[in-house]
N, C-alpha and C. Protein backbone atom coordinates (compact mmCIF):
# COMPACT_ATOMS: atom_id res chain seq x y z
N MET A 1 -19.00 -15.02 -11.00
CA MET A 1 -19.32 -13.69 -10.53
C MET A 1 -18.50 -13.38 -9.28
N LEU A 2 -18.06 -12.12 -9.20
CA LEU A 2 -17.37 -11.63 -8.02
C LEU A 2 -18.16 -10.45 -7.45
N MET A 3 -17.96 -10.19 -6.17
CA MET A 3 -18.68 -9.11 -5.51
C MET A 3 -17.69 -8.04 -5.06
N LEU A 4 -18.03 -6.78 -5.39
CA LEU A 4 -17.23 -5.65 -4.95
C LEU A 4 -18.08 -4.82 -4.00
N ALA A 5 -17.68 -4.81 -2.74
CA ALA A 5 -18.40 -4.04 -1.72
C ALA A 5 -17.70 -2.71 -1.50
N VAL A 6 -18.50 -1.66 -1.39
CA VAL A 6 -17.99 -0.32 -1.11
C VAL A 6 -18.73 0.17 0.12
N GLU A 7 -17.98 0.44 1.18
CA GLU A 7 -18.65 0.89 2.40
C GLU A 7 -17.76 1.86 3.18
N PRO A 8 -18.42 2.74 3.94
CA PRO A 8 -17.64 3.65 4.78
C PRO A 8 -16.81 2.86 5.79
N LEU A 9 -15.68 3.40 6.13
CA LEU A 9 -14.77 2.74 7.06
C LEU A 9 -14.42 3.72 8.17
N ASP A 10 -14.62 3.31 9.40
CA ASP A 10 -14.34 4.17 10.54
C ASP A 10 -12.89 3.98 10.98
N LEU A 11 -12.06 4.98 10.66
CA LEU A 11 -10.66 4.96 11.07
C LEU A 11 -10.38 6.05 12.10
N GLY A 12 -11.44 6.61 12.66
CA GLY A 12 -11.30 7.67 13.65
C GLY A 12 -11.91 8.97 13.15
N PRO A 13 -12.05 9.92 14.05
CA PRO A 13 -12.74 11.16 13.70
C PRO A 13 -11.99 12.06 12.72
N ASP A 14 -10.69 11.88 12.59
CA ASP A 14 -9.92 12.75 11.71
C ASP A 14 -9.64 12.16 10.34
N VAL A 15 -10.28 11.02 10.01
CA VAL A 15 -10.03 10.36 8.74
C VAL A 15 -11.35 9.97 8.10
N LYS A 16 -11.52 10.33 6.83
CA LYS A 16 -12.68 9.89 6.06
C LYS A 16 -12.20 8.79 5.12
N ALA A 17 -12.80 7.62 5.25
CA ALA A 17 -12.28 6.47 4.51
C ALA A 17 -13.40 5.59 3.97
N LEU A 18 -13.07 4.87 2.92
CA LEU A 18 -13.94 3.86 2.33
C LEU A 18 -13.17 2.55 2.26
N ALA A 19 -13.89 1.46 2.45
CA ALA A 19 -13.32 0.13 2.27
C ALA A 19 -13.91 -0.47 1.00
N LEU A 20 -13.06 -0.93 0.11
CA LEU A 20 -13.48 -1.66 -1.07
C LEU A 20 -12.99 -3.08 -0.89
N SER A 21 -13.90 -4.04 -1.01
CA SER A 21 -13.55 -5.45 -0.81
C SER A 21 -14.05 -6.26 -1.98
N LEU A 22 -13.18 -7.06 -2.57
CA LEU A 22 -13.53 -7.90 -3.70
C LEU A 22 -13.49 -9.35 -3.25
N THR A 23 -14.64 -10.02 -3.32
CA THR A 23 -14.72 -11.40 -2.83
C THR A 23 -15.40 -12.31 -3.84
N ASP A 24 -15.13 -13.59 -3.69
CA ASP A 24 -15.82 -14.64 -4.42
C ASP A 24 -16.99 -15.07 -3.54
N PRO A 25 -18.24 -14.84 -3.97
CA PRO A 25 -19.38 -15.13 -3.10
C PRO A 25 -19.54 -16.61 -2.76
N GLU A 26 -19.04 -17.49 -3.61
CA GLU A 26 -19.17 -18.92 -3.33
C GLU A 26 -18.28 -19.35 -2.17
N SER A 27 -17.03 -18.90 -2.17
CA SER A 27 -16.10 -19.31 -1.12
C SER A 27 -16.02 -18.28 0.01
N GLU A 28 -16.52 -17.08 -0.23
CA GLU A 28 -16.42 -15.95 0.70
C GLU A 28 -14.97 -15.57 0.99
N GLU A 29 -14.08 -15.94 0.08
CA GLU A 29 -12.66 -15.61 0.19
C GLU A 29 -12.35 -14.39 -0.68
N PRO A 30 -11.28 -13.68 -0.35
CA PRO A 30 -10.87 -12.56 -1.21
C PRO A 30 -10.59 -13.06 -2.63
N ALA A 31 -11.01 -12.28 -3.60
CA ALA A 31 -10.76 -12.63 -5.00
C ALA A 31 -9.34 -12.22 -5.36
N SER A 32 -8.66 -13.09 -6.11
CA SER A 32 -7.31 -12.77 -6.57
C SER A 32 -7.14 -13.36 -7.97
N GLY A 33 -5.98 -13.17 -8.53
CA GLY A 33 -5.70 -13.70 -9.85
C GLY A 33 -6.03 -12.71 -10.96
N PRO A 34 -6.02 -13.19 -12.21
CA PRO A 34 -6.20 -12.30 -13.36
C PRO A 34 -7.53 -11.56 -13.37
N ASP A 35 -8.63 -12.23 -13.03
CA ASP A 35 -9.93 -11.55 -13.04
C ASP A 35 -9.97 -10.44 -12.00
N ALA A 36 -9.47 -10.71 -10.81
CA ALA A 36 -9.44 -9.69 -9.77
C ALA A 36 -8.56 -8.52 -10.18
N ALA A 37 -7.42 -8.79 -10.77
CA ALA A 37 -6.52 -7.72 -11.22
C ALA A 37 -7.20 -6.84 -12.26
N ARG A 38 -7.95 -7.45 -13.19
CA ARG A 38 -8.67 -6.66 -14.18
C ARG A 38 -9.74 -5.79 -13.53
N ILE A 39 -10.46 -6.36 -12.57
CA ILE A 39 -11.50 -5.60 -11.88
C ILE A 39 -10.90 -4.43 -11.13
N TRP A 40 -9.82 -4.68 -10.37
CA TRP A 40 -9.19 -3.60 -9.62
C TRP A 40 -8.65 -2.50 -10.55
N SER A 41 -8.07 -2.88 -11.68
CA SER A 41 -7.54 -1.86 -12.58
C SER A 41 -8.67 -1.00 -13.12
N ARG A 42 -9.76 -1.62 -13.54
CA ARG A 42 -10.91 -0.86 -14.04
C ARG A 42 -11.53 -0.01 -12.94
N ALA A 43 -11.61 -0.54 -11.73
CA ALA A 43 -12.22 0.20 -10.61
C ALA A 43 -11.41 1.45 -10.30
N LEU A 44 -10.10 1.30 -10.18
CA LEU A 44 -9.28 2.46 -9.84
C LEU A 44 -9.27 3.51 -10.95
N LEU A 45 -9.27 3.06 -12.18
CA LEU A 45 -9.33 4.02 -13.29
C LEU A 45 -10.69 4.74 -13.32
N ALA A 46 -11.76 4.02 -13.01
CA ALA A 46 -13.09 4.65 -12.97
C ALA A 46 -13.15 5.68 -11.85
N LEU A 47 -12.57 5.37 -10.71
CA LEU A 47 -12.59 6.32 -9.58
C LEU A 47 -11.70 7.53 -9.86
N ALA A 48 -10.61 7.33 -10.56
CA ALA A 48 -9.72 8.45 -10.89
C ALA A 48 -10.35 9.36 -11.94
N GLY A 49 -11.15 8.78 -12.82
CA GLY A 49 -11.76 9.58 -13.87
C GLY A 49 -10.69 10.20 -14.75
N GLU A 50 -10.81 11.50 -15.00
CA GLU A 50 -9.87 12.22 -15.86
C GLU A 50 -8.67 12.76 -15.10
N ARG A 51 -8.63 12.53 -13.80
CA ARG A 51 -7.54 13.09 -12.98
C ARG A 51 -6.26 12.27 -13.12
N ALA A 52 -5.14 12.96 -12.97
CA ALA A 52 -3.85 12.28 -13.00
C ALA A 52 -3.71 11.40 -11.76
N TRP A 53 -2.99 10.29 -11.90
CA TRP A 53 -2.77 9.38 -10.77
C TRP A 53 -1.38 8.79 -10.85
N ILE A 54 -0.95 8.26 -9.71
CA ILE A 54 0.37 7.63 -9.63
C ILE A 54 0.33 6.52 -8.58
N LEU A 55 1.06 5.45 -8.82
CA LEU A 55 1.18 4.34 -7.87
C LEU A 55 2.48 4.50 -7.09
N ASP A 56 2.44 4.20 -5.80
CA ASP A 56 3.62 4.27 -4.94
C ASP A 56 3.99 2.86 -4.49
N PHE A 57 5.21 2.43 -4.85
CA PHE A 57 5.73 1.12 -4.45
C PHE A 57 6.97 1.30 -3.59
N PHE A 58 7.16 0.38 -2.63
CA PHE A 58 8.31 0.45 -1.72
C PHE A 58 9.09 -0.85 -1.64
N SER A 59 8.48 -1.93 -2.09
CA SER A 59 9.19 -3.21 -2.03
C SER A 59 9.26 -3.78 -3.44
N GLN A 60 10.17 -4.69 -3.63
CA GLN A 60 10.38 -5.32 -4.93
C GLN A 60 10.64 -4.28 -6.02
N VAL A 61 11.32 -3.20 -5.64
CA VAL A 61 11.49 -2.08 -6.58
C VAL A 61 12.34 -2.46 -7.80
N ASP A 62 13.31 -3.35 -7.65
CA ASP A 62 14.10 -3.77 -8.81
C ASP A 62 13.23 -4.55 -9.79
N ARG A 63 12.41 -5.47 -9.27
CA ARG A 63 11.47 -6.22 -10.13
C ARG A 63 10.49 -5.27 -10.79
N LEU A 64 10.03 -4.27 -10.05
CA LEU A 64 9.08 -3.31 -10.59
C LEU A 64 9.72 -2.49 -11.71
N ARG A 65 10.93 -2.02 -11.49
CA ARG A 65 11.62 -1.25 -12.55
C ARG A 65 11.76 -2.09 -13.81
N GLU A 66 12.14 -3.36 -13.65
CA GLU A 66 12.29 -4.25 -14.81
C GLU A 66 10.94 -4.46 -15.51
N PHE A 67 9.88 -4.65 -14.72
CA PHE A 67 8.54 -4.78 -15.29
C PHE A 67 8.20 -3.54 -16.12
N CYS A 68 8.44 -2.37 -15.56
CA CYS A 68 8.14 -1.11 -16.26
C CYS A 68 8.98 -0.97 -17.52
N ARG A 69 10.27 -1.30 -17.45
CA ARG A 69 11.14 -1.22 -18.63
C ARG A 69 10.65 -2.14 -19.73
N SER A 70 10.27 -3.36 -19.37
CA SER A 70 9.86 -4.35 -20.37
C SER A 70 8.54 -3.98 -21.06
N ARG A 71 7.78 -3.10 -20.46
CA ARG A 71 6.49 -2.69 -21.04
C ARG A 71 6.47 -1.22 -21.44
N ASP A 72 7.64 -0.60 -21.42
CA ASP A 72 7.76 0.81 -21.76
C ASP A 72 6.80 1.66 -20.94
N LEU A 73 6.74 1.34 -19.66
CA LEU A 73 5.85 2.01 -18.70
C LEU A 73 6.67 3.03 -17.93
N SER A 74 6.16 4.24 -17.83
CA SER A 74 6.88 5.32 -17.16
C SER A 74 6.91 5.11 -15.64
N CYS A 75 8.10 5.16 -15.07
CA CYS A 75 8.25 5.10 -13.62
C CYS A 75 9.45 5.96 -13.24
N ARG A 76 9.49 6.35 -11.98
CA ARG A 76 10.62 7.14 -11.51
C ARG A 76 10.93 6.76 -10.07
N ASP A 77 12.18 6.91 -9.70
CA ASP A 77 12.59 6.71 -8.32
C ASP A 77 12.11 7.90 -7.50
N THR A 78 11.66 7.64 -6.28
CA THR A 78 11.19 8.72 -5.42
C THR A 78 12.28 9.07 -4.40
N PRO A 79 12.19 10.24 -3.79
CA PRO A 79 13.22 10.66 -2.84
C PRO A 79 13.44 9.68 -1.69
N GLY A 80 12.42 8.93 -1.33
CA GLY A 80 12.55 8.02 -0.21
C GLY A 80 13.00 6.62 -0.59
N GLY A 81 13.36 6.40 -1.85
CA GLY A 81 13.85 5.09 -2.26
C GLY A 81 12.78 4.19 -2.83
N GLY A 82 11.57 4.68 -2.98
CA GLY A 82 10.51 3.90 -3.61
C GLY A 82 10.49 4.14 -5.11
N VAL A 83 9.46 3.63 -5.74
CA VAL A 83 9.27 3.83 -7.17
C VAL A 83 7.83 4.28 -7.38
N ALA A 84 7.67 5.33 -8.17
CA ALA A 84 6.35 5.83 -8.54
C ALA A 84 6.09 5.44 -9.98
N VAL A 85 4.95 4.82 -10.23
CA VAL A 85 4.57 4.38 -11.56
C VAL A 85 3.46 5.29 -12.06
N ALA A 86 3.67 5.87 -13.24
CA ALA A 86 2.71 6.82 -13.80
C ALA A 86 1.56 6.09 -14.48
N GLU A 87 0.61 6.88 -14.92
CA GLU A 87 -0.60 6.38 -15.56
C GLU A 87 -0.30 5.42 -16.70
N THR A 88 -1.20 4.45 -16.88
CA THR A 88 -1.09 3.50 -17.98
C THR A 88 -2.48 3.01 -18.36
N ASP A 89 -2.54 2.19 -19.35
CA ASP A 89 -3.82 1.66 -19.82
C ASP A 89 -4.33 0.55 -18.89
N PRO A 90 -5.63 0.22 -18.96
CA PRO A 90 -6.20 -0.77 -18.04
C PRO A 90 -5.56 -2.16 -18.12
N ASP A 91 -5.17 -2.59 -19.32
CA ASP A 91 -4.59 -3.93 -19.45
C ASP A 91 -3.22 -4.03 -18.81
N THR A 92 -2.38 -3.02 -19.02
CA THR A 92 -1.05 -3.02 -18.41
C THR A 92 -1.18 -2.87 -16.90
N LEU A 93 -2.13 -2.04 -16.46
CA LEU A 93 -2.35 -1.88 -15.02
C LEU A 93 -2.80 -3.20 -14.40
N ALA A 94 -3.69 -3.93 -15.08
CA ALA A 94 -4.14 -5.22 -14.57
C ALA A 94 -2.97 -6.20 -14.49
N GLU A 95 -2.12 -6.18 -15.49
CA GLU A 95 -0.94 -7.06 -15.49
C GLU A 95 -0.02 -6.71 -14.32
N LEU A 96 0.16 -5.42 -14.07
CA LEU A 96 0.99 -4.97 -12.93
C LEU A 96 0.35 -5.43 -11.62
N PHE A 97 -0.96 -5.27 -11.46
CA PHE A 97 -1.65 -5.69 -10.24
C PHE A 97 -1.51 -7.19 -10.02
N GLU A 98 -1.63 -7.97 -11.09
CA GLU A 98 -1.51 -9.42 -10.94
C GLU A 98 -0.08 -9.80 -10.58
N ARG A 99 0.88 -9.20 -11.24
CA ARG A 99 2.29 -9.53 -11.00
C ARG A 99 2.74 -9.15 -9.59
N PHE A 100 2.21 -8.03 -9.06
CA PHE A 100 2.64 -7.52 -7.76
C PHE A 100 1.53 -7.61 -6.71
N GLN A 101 0.64 -8.59 -6.86
CA GLN A 101 -0.51 -8.69 -5.95
C GLN A 101 -0.13 -9.00 -4.51
N LYS A 102 1.04 -9.52 -4.28
CA LYS A 102 1.45 -9.82 -2.90
C LYS A 102 2.04 -8.61 -2.19
N GLU A 103 2.26 -7.53 -2.95
CA GLU A 103 2.86 -6.32 -2.38
C GLU A 103 1.76 -5.32 -2.02
N ALA A 104 1.91 -4.67 -0.89
CA ALA A 104 1.04 -3.55 -0.56
C ALA A 104 1.63 -2.32 -1.26
N PHE A 105 0.78 -1.55 -1.89
CA PHE A 105 1.24 -0.34 -2.56
C PHE A 105 0.14 0.71 -2.46
N GLY A 106 0.45 1.92 -2.85
CA GLY A 106 -0.52 3.00 -2.75
C GLY A 106 -0.82 3.62 -4.09
N ILE A 107 -1.89 4.38 -4.12
CA ILE A 107 -2.24 5.17 -5.29
C ILE A 107 -2.67 6.55 -4.80
N ARG A 108 -2.21 7.57 -5.53
CA ARG A 108 -2.62 8.94 -5.27
C ARG A 108 -3.30 9.46 -6.52
N VAL A 109 -4.42 10.16 -6.33
CA VAL A 109 -5.19 10.67 -7.47
C VAL A 109 -5.46 12.15 -7.27
N GLY A 110 -5.21 12.92 -8.34
CA GLY A 110 -5.48 14.35 -8.30
C GLY A 110 -4.44 15.10 -7.50
N GLY A 111 -4.79 16.31 -7.11
CA GLY A 111 -3.88 17.12 -6.28
C GLY A 111 -2.53 17.29 -6.92
N PRO A 112 -1.45 17.20 -6.14
CA PRO A 112 -0.11 17.47 -6.65
C PRO A 112 0.55 16.29 -7.37
N VAL A 113 -0.23 15.37 -7.91
CA VAL A 113 0.37 14.23 -8.61
C VAL A 113 1.23 14.70 -9.78
N GLU A 114 0.72 15.63 -10.56
CA GLU A 114 1.45 16.07 -11.75
C GLU A 114 2.68 16.92 -11.40
N THR A 115 2.60 17.70 -10.33
CA THR A 115 3.73 18.56 -9.97
C THR A 115 4.72 17.88 -9.05
N GLY A 116 4.32 16.77 -8.46
CA GLY A 116 5.18 16.04 -7.54
C GLY A 116 4.95 16.44 -6.09
N ASP A 117 5.29 15.53 -5.21
CA ASP A 117 5.11 15.74 -3.78
C ASP A 117 6.28 15.07 -3.06
N PRO A 118 7.51 15.64 -3.20
CA PRO A 118 8.68 15.00 -2.62
C PRO A 118 8.61 14.82 -1.11
N GLY A 119 7.95 15.75 -0.41
CA GLY A 119 7.82 15.61 1.04
C GLY A 119 7.05 14.34 1.40
N LEU A 120 5.93 14.12 0.74
CA LEU A 120 5.16 12.91 0.98
C LEU A 120 5.93 11.67 0.56
N GLU A 121 6.61 11.74 -0.58
CA GLU A 121 7.35 10.57 -1.06
C GLU A 121 8.46 10.17 -0.11
N LEU A 122 9.10 11.14 0.53
CA LEU A 122 10.10 10.83 1.56
C LEU A 122 9.42 10.21 2.78
N GLU A 123 8.31 10.78 3.18
CA GLU A 123 7.60 10.27 4.35
C GLU A 123 7.03 8.88 4.10
N LEU A 124 6.65 8.59 2.87
CA LEU A 124 6.14 7.25 2.55
C LEU A 124 7.21 6.19 2.83
N ARG A 125 8.45 6.51 2.52
CA ARG A 125 9.53 5.55 2.77
C ARG A 125 9.75 5.36 4.27
N GLU A 126 9.60 6.44 5.04
CA GLU A 126 9.83 6.36 6.48
C GLU A 126 8.65 5.74 7.23
N ARG A 127 7.44 6.12 6.86
CA ARG A 127 6.25 5.68 7.59
C ARG A 127 5.40 4.67 6.83
N GLY A 128 5.78 4.37 5.60
CA GLY A 128 4.95 3.49 4.79
C GLY A 128 3.67 4.22 4.39
N LEU A 129 2.67 3.46 4.07
CA LEU A 129 1.42 4.03 3.59
C LEU A 129 0.66 4.81 4.65
N ASP A 130 1.09 4.71 5.92
CA ASP A 130 0.50 5.54 6.97
C ASP A 130 0.72 7.03 6.67
N ALA A 131 1.70 7.35 5.86
CA ALA A 131 1.97 8.75 5.51
C ALA A 131 0.79 9.38 4.78
N TYR A 132 -0.05 8.58 4.16
CA TYR A 132 -1.23 9.11 3.47
C TYR A 132 -2.19 9.80 4.44
N HIS A 133 -2.18 9.40 5.70
CA HIS A 133 -3.10 9.94 6.70
C HIS A 133 -3.06 11.48 6.72
N GLN A 134 -1.89 12.06 6.72
CA GLN A 134 -1.77 13.51 6.76
C GLN A 134 -1.92 14.15 5.38
N ALA A 135 -1.59 13.41 4.33
CA ALA A 135 -1.54 14.00 2.99
C ALA A 135 -2.84 13.90 2.21
N TYR A 136 -3.71 12.96 2.51
CA TYR A 136 -4.85 12.69 1.64
C TYR A 136 -5.78 13.87 1.39
N PRO A 137 -5.94 14.84 2.32
CA PRO A 137 -6.84 15.97 2.01
C PRO A 137 -6.39 16.79 0.78
N GLY A 138 -5.13 16.70 0.41
CA GLY A 138 -4.64 17.43 -0.75
C GLY A 138 -4.88 16.73 -2.07
N TYR A 139 -5.46 15.55 -2.03
CA TYR A 139 -5.70 14.73 -3.22
C TYR A 139 -7.20 14.42 -3.33
N LEU A 140 -7.64 13.96 -4.51
CA LEU A 140 -9.01 13.44 -4.60
C LEU A 140 -9.10 12.26 -3.64
N PHE A 141 -8.11 11.35 -3.75
CA PHE A 141 -7.99 10.28 -2.77
C PHE A 141 -6.60 9.70 -2.79
N CYS A 142 -6.24 9.10 -1.68
CA CYS A 142 -5.06 8.25 -1.55
C CYS A 142 -5.61 6.89 -1.13
N ALA A 143 -5.04 5.82 -1.64
CA ALA A 143 -5.56 4.50 -1.31
C ALA A 143 -4.43 3.53 -1.04
N ILE A 144 -4.70 2.63 -0.13
CA ILE A 144 -3.79 1.55 0.22
C ILE A 144 -4.33 0.30 -0.44
N CYS A 145 -3.57 -0.25 -1.37
CA CYS A 145 -4.01 -1.39 -2.17
C CYS A 145 -3.35 -2.67 -1.66
N GLU A 146 -4.18 -3.62 -1.29
CA GLU A 146 -3.71 -4.94 -0.87
C GLU A 146 -4.48 -5.95 -1.71
N ILE A 147 -4.02 -6.10 -2.94
CA ILE A 147 -4.72 -6.89 -3.94
C ILE A 147 -4.87 -8.34 -3.50
N GLU A 148 -3.84 -8.91 -2.90
CA GLU A 148 -3.90 -10.31 -2.48
C GLU A 148 -5.00 -10.57 -1.46
N THR A 149 -5.28 -9.60 -0.61
CA THR A 149 -6.33 -9.77 0.40
C THR A 149 -7.67 -9.23 -0.08
N GLY A 150 -7.73 -8.80 -1.34
CA GLY A 150 -8.99 -8.34 -1.92
C GLY A 150 -9.48 -7.04 -1.33
N SER A 151 -8.57 -6.16 -0.92
CA SER A 151 -9.04 -4.94 -0.28
C SER A 151 -8.25 -3.71 -0.70
N ILE A 152 -8.98 -2.60 -0.76
CA ILE A 152 -8.40 -1.29 -0.98
C ILE A 152 -9.04 -0.36 0.04
N THR A 153 -8.21 0.38 0.75
CA THR A 153 -8.68 1.36 1.72
C THR A 153 -8.43 2.73 1.13
N MET A 154 -9.51 3.47 0.89
CA MET A 154 -9.42 4.79 0.28
C MET A 154 -9.59 5.86 1.34
N LEU A 155 -8.71 6.84 1.33
CA LEU A 155 -8.82 8.01 2.19
C LEU A 155 -9.20 9.18 1.30
N SER A 156 -10.34 9.82 1.59
CA SER A 156 -10.81 10.89 0.72
C SER A 156 -11.73 11.83 1.47
N GLU A 157 -11.51 13.12 1.30
CA GLU A 157 -12.40 14.13 1.88
C GLU A 157 -13.69 14.23 1.08
N GLY A 158 -13.65 13.99 -0.21
CA GLY A 158 -14.81 14.28 -1.05
C GLY A 158 -15.47 13.10 -1.73
N LEU A 159 -14.94 11.90 -1.60
CA LEU A 159 -15.50 10.75 -2.30
C LEU A 159 -16.19 9.85 -1.29
N TRP A 160 -17.51 9.88 -1.29
CA TRP A 160 -18.32 9.09 -0.37
C TRP A 160 -18.70 7.77 -1.04
N ALA A 161 -19.22 6.83 -0.28
CA ALA A 161 -19.56 5.49 -0.79
C ALA A 161 -20.51 5.56 -1.97
N ALA A 162 -21.57 6.36 -1.88
CA ALA A 162 -22.55 6.44 -2.96
C ALA A 162 -21.92 6.99 -4.23
N GLU A 163 -21.09 8.02 -4.10
CA GLU A 163 -20.43 8.60 -5.28
C GLU A 163 -19.42 7.62 -5.86
N ALA A 164 -18.68 6.93 -5.01
CA ALA A 164 -17.73 5.93 -5.49
C ALA A 164 -18.46 4.84 -6.27
N ALA A 165 -19.58 4.36 -5.75
CA ALA A 165 -20.35 3.32 -6.44
C ALA A 165 -20.86 3.84 -7.79
N ARG A 166 -21.32 5.09 -7.82
CA ARG A 166 -21.80 5.67 -9.07
C ARG A 166 -20.69 5.71 -10.12
N GLN A 167 -19.47 6.06 -9.71
CA GLN A 167 -18.35 6.12 -10.64
C GLN A 167 -17.86 4.73 -11.04
N LEU A 168 -18.01 3.76 -10.15
CA LEU A 168 -17.54 2.41 -10.43
C LEU A 168 -18.38 1.68 -11.47
N ARG A 169 -19.68 1.86 -11.43
CA ARG A 169 -20.59 1.08 -12.28
C ARG A 169 -20.17 1.05 -13.75
N PRO A 170 -19.97 2.20 -14.41
CA PRO A 170 -19.60 2.12 -15.83
C PRO A 170 -18.23 1.48 -16.06
N GLY A 171 -17.32 1.63 -15.13
CA GLY A 171 -15.98 1.07 -15.29
C GLY A 171 -15.94 -0.45 -15.16
N LEU A 172 -16.97 -1.02 -14.56
CA LEU A 172 -16.99 -2.48 -14.34
C LEU A 172 -17.83 -3.23 -15.38
N ARG A 173 -18.35 -2.51 -16.36
CA ARG A 173 -19.11 -3.17 -17.43
C ARG A 173 -18.16 -3.82 -18.42
N ASP A 174 -18.69 -4.78 -19.13
CA ASP A 174 -17.97 -5.42 -20.24
C ASP A 174 -16.68 -6.11 -19.83
N LEU A 175 -16.65 -6.66 -18.63
CA LEU A 175 -15.50 -7.47 -18.21
C LEU A 175 -15.81 -8.93 -18.50
N SER A 176 -14.79 -9.75 -18.54
CA SER A 176 -14.97 -11.18 -18.81
C SER A 176 -15.63 -11.91 -17.64
N VAL A 177 -15.65 -11.28 -16.47
CA VAL A 177 -16.29 -11.86 -15.30
C VAL A 177 -17.31 -10.84 -14.79
N ALA A 178 -18.48 -11.32 -14.39
CA ALA A 178 -19.51 -10.42 -13.87
C ALA A 178 -19.11 -9.92 -12.48
N VAL A 179 -19.43 -8.66 -12.22
CA VAL A 179 -19.12 -8.04 -10.92
C VAL A 179 -20.40 -7.44 -10.37
N GLU A 180 -20.76 -7.86 -9.18
CA GLU A 180 -21.91 -7.28 -8.50
C GLU A 180 -21.37 -6.24 -7.52
N LEU A 181 -21.90 -5.04 -7.62
CA LEU A 181 -21.47 -3.94 -6.76
C LEU A 181 -22.41 -3.83 -5.60
N LEU A 182 -21.88 -3.88 -4.38
CA LEU A 182 -22.67 -3.80 -3.16
C LEU A 182 -22.31 -2.55 -2.39
N MET A 183 -23.31 -1.96 -1.77
CA MET A 183 -23.08 -0.81 -0.89
C MET A 183 -23.69 -1.08 0.44
């Protein structure tokens, strides 16, 4: 069994944030590996719901492009030199999370995902994921994913801890490993 905690995160008065933490309750260490990757993929897809989403990568972009090519996964180069990976199924997403778990990357959900946001994509290259700070109100959420450390930091004007937990529950059913959701 693994534990997924969802709690409000205080990043200052101008930012509304949630912390998602995935841990192994026996060792109290961050969960990683294939089970954690599957949980994170299901969790993010549950939170996105029917909205369009995209992943933002800035490092290991050549490896990422090759990964996407080998799985016929849609990706594009961004104005700032990163790579944006479009929506995919939960299994391919879990494989991507496991393969790139040492990399910090972002996810944007809703808002201008479908039409593009070249200004933000340029700023992401210059400021890294800190660029989400100014942009997140235009999206359902922007999140900083650090799979290796078992954490995702979500910035969202409209997604509170209770609502996030409500959306997560159905997405975490029927996994090969049990997940206890904590708030």
